[in-house]
Protein backbone atom coordinates (compact mmCIF):
# COMPACT_ATOMS: atom_id res chain seq x y z
CA MET A 1 72.69 59.33 133.87
CA LYS A 2 75.25 61.76 135.40
CA ALA A 3 78.08 60.16 137.39
CA ASP A 4 80.44 61.89 139.81
CA LEU A 5 83.17 59.33 138.97
CA THR A 6 83.69 56.88 136.07
CA VAL A 7 85.78 53.74 136.69
CA ASP A 8 86.87 51.97 133.52
CA ALA A 9 87.48 48.23 134.16
CA LYS A 10 87.07 47.09 130.49
CA GLY A 11 89.27 44.11 129.68
CA LEU A 12 89.69 43.09 133.34
CA SER A 13 88.28 39.75 134.77
CA CYS A 14 86.66 39.25 138.12
CA PRO A 15 87.51 40.14 140.77
CA MET A 16 89.29 43.16 139.35
CA PRO A 17 86.19 45.11 138.36
CA ILE A 18 85.02 44.75 141.95
CA VAL A 19 88.38 45.89 143.31
CA ARG A 20 88.28 48.87 141.02
CA ALA A 21 84.71 49.65 142.06
CA LYS A 22 85.66 49.56 145.74
CA LYS A 23 88.60 51.87 145.23
CA GLY A 24 86.42 54.23 143.17
CA ILE A 25 83.52 54.43 145.51
CA ASP A 26 85.88 55.07 148.48
CA GLN A 27 86.75 58.35 146.76
CA LEU A 28 83.09 59.51 146.74
CA ASN A 29 80.94 61.18 149.37
CA ALA A 30 77.68 59.57 150.48
CA GLY A 31 74.91 60.13 147.85
CA GLU A 32 77.38 60.57 144.92
CA VAL A 33 77.15 58.27 141.91
CA MET A 34 79.84 56.01 140.36
CA GLU A 35 79.68 54.73 136.89
CA LEU A 36 81.54 51.35 136.41
CA ILE A 37 82.23 50.12 132.88
CA THR A 38 83.41 46.50 132.36
CA THR A 39 83.51 43.90 129.66
CA ASP A 40 83.43 40.88 132.03
CA PRO A 41 80.05 39.09 131.73
CA GLY A 42 80.62 37.58 135.22
CA SER A 43 80.58 41.12 136.69
CA VAL A 44 76.81 41.35 136.41
CA LYS A 45 76.26 38.73 139.19
CA ASP A 46 79.39 39.69 141.12
CA PHE A 47 78.53 43.43 141.02
CA GLN A 48 74.94 42.95 142.11
CA GLY A 49 76.16 40.91 145.15
CA TRP A 50 78.78 43.47 145.97
CA VAL A 51 76.25 46.31 146.03
CA LYS A 52 73.84 44.31 148.18
CA GLN A 53 76.68 43.48 150.67
CA THR A 54 77.88 47.05 150.90
CA ASN A 55 74.41 48.62 151.11
CA HIS A 56 75.14 50.95 148.14
CA GLU A 57 72.29 51.40 145.66
CA LEU A 58 72.41 49.98 142.17
CA LEU A 59 70.57 52.74 140.19
CA GLU A 60 70.92 51.33 136.71
CA HIS A 61 72.56 48.46 134.93
CA ARG A 62 72.71 47.91 131.16
CA GLU A 63 74.62 45.88 128.58
CA GLU A 64 75.35 47.06 125.15
CA GLY A 65 77.58 45.19 122.69
CA GLY A 66 79.38 43.23 125.44
CA VAL A 67 80.03 46.38 127.50
CA TYR A 68 78.40 46.37 130.99
CA THR A 69 77.62 49.67 132.65
CA PHE A 70 76.59 50.13 136.28
CA TYR A 71 75.54 53.23 138.19
CA VAL A 72 75.82 53.00 141.85
CA LYS A 73 74.88 55.52 144.51
CA LYS A 74 77.15 55.48 147.56
CA ALA A 75 75.40 54.61 150.78
CA GLU A 76 74.80 57.28 153.45
């Protein structure tokens, strides 16, 4: 999936991946896609909650070898 911005939050514990995600998505225009990469297993639940609260759209989420990748489309 193509992303307009990639935010690398590997090695950070919650809430830092969410903080980085907020800073990242604030740089995007509505409809653009952010890729967030983290290694914190707690980020799965936290990130899904954050997306729901902010009305952004979680396009894809995957885990591979302890690395969690999220693709989020910024809300209109």
